[in-house]
């Protein structure tokens, strides 16, 4: 393995929260099980129906996880950033992916096969506990998102999303939308046209300022909180 490939593996391992706290020797052992793969923007990483036998860890870039309805409409489930990893449920038994994974930009991932991951979980129980904590967090987020889509108005869903996006870049009240308006509409259970219209309404009301295609500045957080 070349120096650059070793660094790629090391970056994958060191960025994943479930591997934090392990000693250098343990991290090197995990590095030996990982395979680095690069994907181009919009390239499908796995399809629904593909055999699920690996854990995908994002090193650079980002990927989206989504499902398709019977009518072909895309429903965004989540976006994975550096350090995030794909669903682990199917890794504990022979199964298939129930969703699609697609690179949202040029993306590098590290892949750990099911058998290798299972050996690591047995050898290092701390990884199992951290993985359970992450799965619990994802379940909570999923339930919260489902509740919002069924009980909250579109403008409330959008306002909450904007508020939760604050601070990701170190500028407390200014950030880039982490996804396209099409993906945001899919995530919030509405249409891109509605997203654009509601953002314009927020801007006209003095809640936000749209600075370019995706840049958002929050002008009145307190009023946005009660939309």
Protein backbone atom coordinates (compact mmCIF):
# COMPACT_ATOMS: atom_id res chain seq x y z
CA UNK A 1 0.00 0.00 0.00
CA UNK A 2 1.45 3.40 -1.04
CA UNK A 3 1.86 6.36 1.28
CA UNK A 4 -1.10 8.28 -0.23
CA UNK A 5 -3.37 5.25 0.06
CA UNK A 6 -2.33 4.75 3.69
CA UNK A 7 -3.20 8.38 4.40
CA UNK A 8 -6.58 7.90 2.75
CA UNK A 9 -7.33 4.89 4.94
CA UNK A 10 -6.09 6.68 8.04
CA UNK A 11 -8.27 9.72 7.30
CA UNK A 12 -11.33 7.49 6.95
CA UNK A 13 -10.69 5.71 10.21
CA UNK A 14 -9.74 8.78 12.23
CA UNK A 15 -12.81 10.76 11.09
CA UNK A 16 -15.40 8.17 12.09
CA UNK A 17 -16.82 8.74 15.60
CA UNK A 18 -17.35 5.02 16.22
CA UNK A 19 -13.58 4.46 15.95
CA UNK A 20 -12.59 7.36 18.19
CA UNK A 21 -10.88 6.41 21.43
CA UNK A 22 -9.05 3.44 19.96
CA UNK A 23 -5.26 3.27 20.23
CA UNK A 24 -2.96 3.75 17.25
CA UNK A 25 -2.28 0.02 16.93
CA UNK A 26 -6.02 -0.71 16.81
CA UNK A 27 -6.59 2.02 14.24
CA UNK A 28 -3.85 0.58 12.05
CA UNK A 29 -5.56 -2.80 12.24
CA UNK A 30 -8.82 -1.24 11.05
CA UNK A 31 -6.95 0.59 8.28
CA UNK A 32 -5.77 -2.72 6.89
CA UNK A 33 -9.38 -3.85 6.40
CA UNK A 34 -10.50 -0.73 4.50
CA UNK A 35 -10.53 -0.25 0.74
CA UNK A 36 -10.45 3.29 -0.72
CA UNK A 37 -12.75 4.04 -3.68
CA UNK A 38 -13.49 7.31 -5.52
CA UNK A 39 -16.82 8.26 -7.13
CA UNK A 40 -17.66 11.10 -9.51
CA UNK A 41 -20.44 13.61 -8.90
CA UNK A 42 -23.87 11.96 -9.42
CA UNK A 43 -22.33 8.49 -9.65
CA UNK A 44 -24.42 5.79 -7.98
CA UNK A 45 -22.51 4.10 -5.16
CA UNK A 46 -25.10 1.39 -4.64
CA UNK A 47 -28.63 0.72 -5.89
CA UNK A 48 -31.66 -0.46 -3.99
CA UNK A 49 -31.66 -4.22 -4.42
CA UNK A 50 -27.86 -4.56 -4.49
CA UNK A 51 -26.36 -7.03 -2.03
CA UNK A 52 -25.43 -5.21 1.18
CA UNK A 53 -22.14 -6.61 2.43
CA UNK A 54 -20.03 -3.53 3.23
CA UNK A 55 -19.89 -0.41 5.36
CA UNK A 56 -19.25 2.79 3.37
CA UNK A 57 -17.42 5.61 5.18
CA UNK A 58 -17.24 9.07 3.62
CA UNK A 59 -13.68 10.43 3.57
CA UNK A 60 -14.15 13.47 1.29
CA UNK A 61 -17.21 14.90 -0.44
CA UNK A 62 -20.76 13.89 0.39
CA UNK A 63 -23.38 11.38 -0.65
CA UNK A 64 -27.14 11.25 -0.41
CA UNK A 65 -29.24 8.27 0.65
CA UNK A 66 -32.68 8.12 -0.92
CA UNK A 67 -35.53 5.83 -1.93
CA UNK A 68 -37.80 5.84 -4.97
CA UNK A 69 -41.56 5.60 -4.71
CA UNK A 70 -43.56 3.38 -7.07
CA UNK A 71 -44.13 6.46 -9.22
CA UNK A 72 -40.38 7.10 -9.38
CA UNK A 73 -40.42 10.09 -7.02
CA UNK A 74 -37.23 10.47 -4.99
CA UNK A 75 -37.50 10.64 -1.19
CA UNK A 76 -34.30 11.88 0.43
CA UNK A 77 -33.47 10.08 3.68
CA UNK A 78 -30.21 11.70 4.73
CA UNK A 79 -26.98 13.25 3.51
CA UNK A 80 -23.66 11.80 4.61
CA UNK A 81 -20.64 14.07 5.17
CA UNK A 82 -16.96 13.22 5.88
CA UNK A 83 -16.88 10.87 8.87
CA UNK A 84 -20.44 9.61 8.31
CA UNK A 85 -21.22 6.04 7.27
CA UNK A 86 -24.02 4.15 5.59
CA UNK A 87 -26.70 2.02 7.24
CA UNK A 88 -25.30 -0.91 9.22
CA UNK A 89 -28.49 -2.92 9.81
CA UNK A 90 -28.03 -5.18 6.75
CA UNK A 91 -24.44 -5.93 7.76
CA UNK A 92 -25.55 -8.33 10.48
CA UNK A 93 -27.33 -10.73 8.13
CA UNK A 94 -27.55 -11.50 4.44
CA UNK A 95 -29.57 -8.68 3.00
CA UNK A 96 -29.99 -6.11 0.25
CA UNK A 97 -29.87 -2.35 0.18
CA UNK A 98 -33.32 -0.79 0.49
CA UNK A 99 -32.13 2.61 -0.70
CA UNK A 100 -29.84 4.27 -3.22
CA UNK A 101 -26.54 5.99 -2.39
CA UNK A 102 -25.34 8.68 -4.79
CA UNK A 103 -22.31 10.98 -4.74
CA UNK A 104 -23.39 14.64 -4.58
CA UNK A 105 -19.93 15.77 -5.68
CA UNK A 106 -16.63 14.03 -6.32
CA UNK A 107 -16.46 11.77 -3.28
CA UNK A 108 -13.95 9.40 -1.69
CA UNK A 109 -15.12 6.57 0.52
CA UNK A 110 -13.52 3.77 2.48
CA UNK A 111 -15.24 0.41 2.34
CA UNK A 112 -15.08 -2.25 5.07
CA UNK A 113 -16.50 -5.67 4.27
CA UNK A 114 -19.15 -7.22 6.54
CA UNK A 115 -16.91 -10.05 7.73
CA UNK A 116 -14.11 -7.65 8.68
CA UNK A 117 -16.53 -5.32 10.48
CA UNK A 118 -18.05 -8.17 12.46
CA UNK A 119 -14.61 -9.27 13.59
CA UNK A 120 -13.84 -5.71 14.70
CA UNK A 121 -17.10 -5.47 16.67
CA UNK A 122 -16.28 -8.68 18.52
CA UNK A 123 -12.69 -7.66 19.20
CA UNK A 124 -13.45 -4.06 20.22
CA UNK A 125 -16.83 -3.87 22.04
CA UNK A 126 -16.47 -0.09 22.36
CA UNK A 127 -17.14 0.15 18.61
CA UNK A 128 -20.41 -1.74 19.10
CA UNK A 129 -21.59 0.66 21.80
CA UNK A 130 -20.72 3.72 19.71
CA UNK A 131 -22.45 2.22 16.69
CA UNK A 132 -25.60 1.61 18.75
CA UNK A 133 -25.49 5.22 19.95
CA UNK A 134 -25.24 6.45 16.35
CA UNK A 135 -28.10 4.21 15.23
CA UNK A 136 -30.23 5.49 18.12
CA UNK A 137 -29.48 9.06 17.08
CA UNK A 138 -30.44 8.32 13.46
CA UNK A 139 -33.70 6.70 14.56
CA UNK A 140 -34.56 9.75 16.65
CA UNK A 141 -33.82 12.06 13.71
CA UNK A 142 -35.89 9.91 11.35
CA UNK A 143 -38.86 9.88 13.73
CA UNK A 144 -38.61 13.64 14.20
CA UNK A 145 -38.51 14.18 10.43
CA UNK A 146 -41.52 11.89 9.90
CA UNK A 147 -43.49 13.74 12.57
CA UNK A 148 -42.69 17.11 11.02
CA UNK A 149 -43.74 15.99 7.54
CA UNK A 150 -47.10 14.79 8.85
CA UNK A 151 -47.91 17.51 11.40
CA UNK A 152 -46.06 20.73 10.54
CA UNK A 153 -46.71 23.29 7.80
CA UNK A 154 -44.16 23.51 4.97
CA UNK A 155 -42.91 26.91 6.16
CA UNK A 156 -42.39 25.54 9.68
CA UNK A 157 -40.45 22.55 8.34
CA UNK A 158 -38.29 24.85 6.23
CA UNK A 159 -37.71 27.31 9.09
CA UNK A 160 -36.63 24.49 11.44
CA UNK A 161 -34.29 23.12 8.78
CA UNK A 162 -32.64 26.53 8.33
CA UNK A 163 -32.25 26.94 12.08
CA UNK A 164 -30.69 23.48 12.43
CA UNK A 165 -28.24 24.32 9.64
CA UNK A 166 -26.79 27.26 11.59
CA UNK A 167 -23.21 27.20 12.70
CA UNK A 168 -21.94 24.45 10.39
CA UNK A 169 -19.35 26.79 8.84
CA UNK A 170 -18.33 28.73 11.95
CA UNK A 171 -20.44 31.74 10.95
CA UNK A 172 -23.32 31.66 13.39
CA UNK A 173 -25.99 33.21 11.17
CA UNK A 174 -24.74 32.51 7.65
CA UNK A 175 -24.34 29.24 5.78
CA UNK A 176 -24.71 27.43 2.47
CA UNK A 177 -27.70 25.17 2.01
CA UNK A 178 -26.19 21.67 2.27
CA UNK A 179 -28.23 20.41 -0.68
CA UNK A 180 -30.01 21.57 -3.81
CA UNK A 181 -33.55 22.92 -3.58
CA UNK A 182 -34.71 19.76 -5.32
CA UNK A 183 -33.13 17.58 -2.64
CA UNK A 184 -34.34 19.89 0.12
CA UNK A 185 -37.87 19.65 -1.24
CA UNK A 186 -37.60 15.86 -1.25
CA UNK A 187 -36.30 15.86 2.32
CA UNK A 188 -39.07 18.15 3.56
CA UNK A 189 -41.85 16.44 1.61
CA UNK A 190 -42.75 19.27 -0.75
CA UNK A 191 -41.76 20.67 -4.18
CA UNK A 192 -38.76 22.77 -5.33
CA UNK A 193 -41.17 25.51 -6.40
CA UNK A 194 -42.63 25.66 -2.90
CA UNK A 195 -39.16 25.83 -1.36
CA UNK A 196 -38.21 28.74 -3.63
CA UNK A 197 -41.48 30.54 -2.89
CA UNK A 198 -41.18 30.10 0.87
CA UNK A 199 -37.57 31.31 0.89
CA UNK A 200 -38.67 34.40 -1.02
CA UNK A 201 -41.48 34.94 1.50
CA UNK A 202 -39.01 34.61 4.39
CA UNK A 203 -36.75 37.16 2.70
CA UNK A 204 -39.59 39.62 2.08
CA UNK A 205 -40.63 39.27 5.73
CA UNK A 206 -37.11 40.12 6.85
CA UNK A 207 -36.33 36.69 8.37
CA UNK A 208 -33.47 35.81 6.00
CA UNK A 209 -31.32 37.14 3.19
CA UNK A 210 -30.56 35.00 0.14
CA UNK A 211 -26.96 35.72 -0.83
CA UNK A 212 -26.44 33.93 -4.11
CA UNK A 213 -27.79 30.58 -5.26
CA UNK A 214 -27.49 28.66 -1.97
CA UNK A 215 -26.08 31.13 0.57
CA UNK A 216 -28.47 32.00 3.40
CA UNK A 217 -28.10 34.61 6.14
CA UNK A 218 -30.47 34.53 9.10
CA UNK A 219 -31.55 38.08 9.91
CA UNK A 220 -34.23 37.46 12.56
CA UNK A 221 -33.82 34.15 14.36
CA UNK A 222 -36.51 34.81 16.96
CA UNK A 223 -39.23 35.42 14.36
CA UNK A 224 -38.05 32.46 12.28
CA UNK A 225 -38.45 30.26 15.35
CA UNK A 226 -42.17 30.94 15.51
CA UNK A 227 -43.04 30.62 11.81
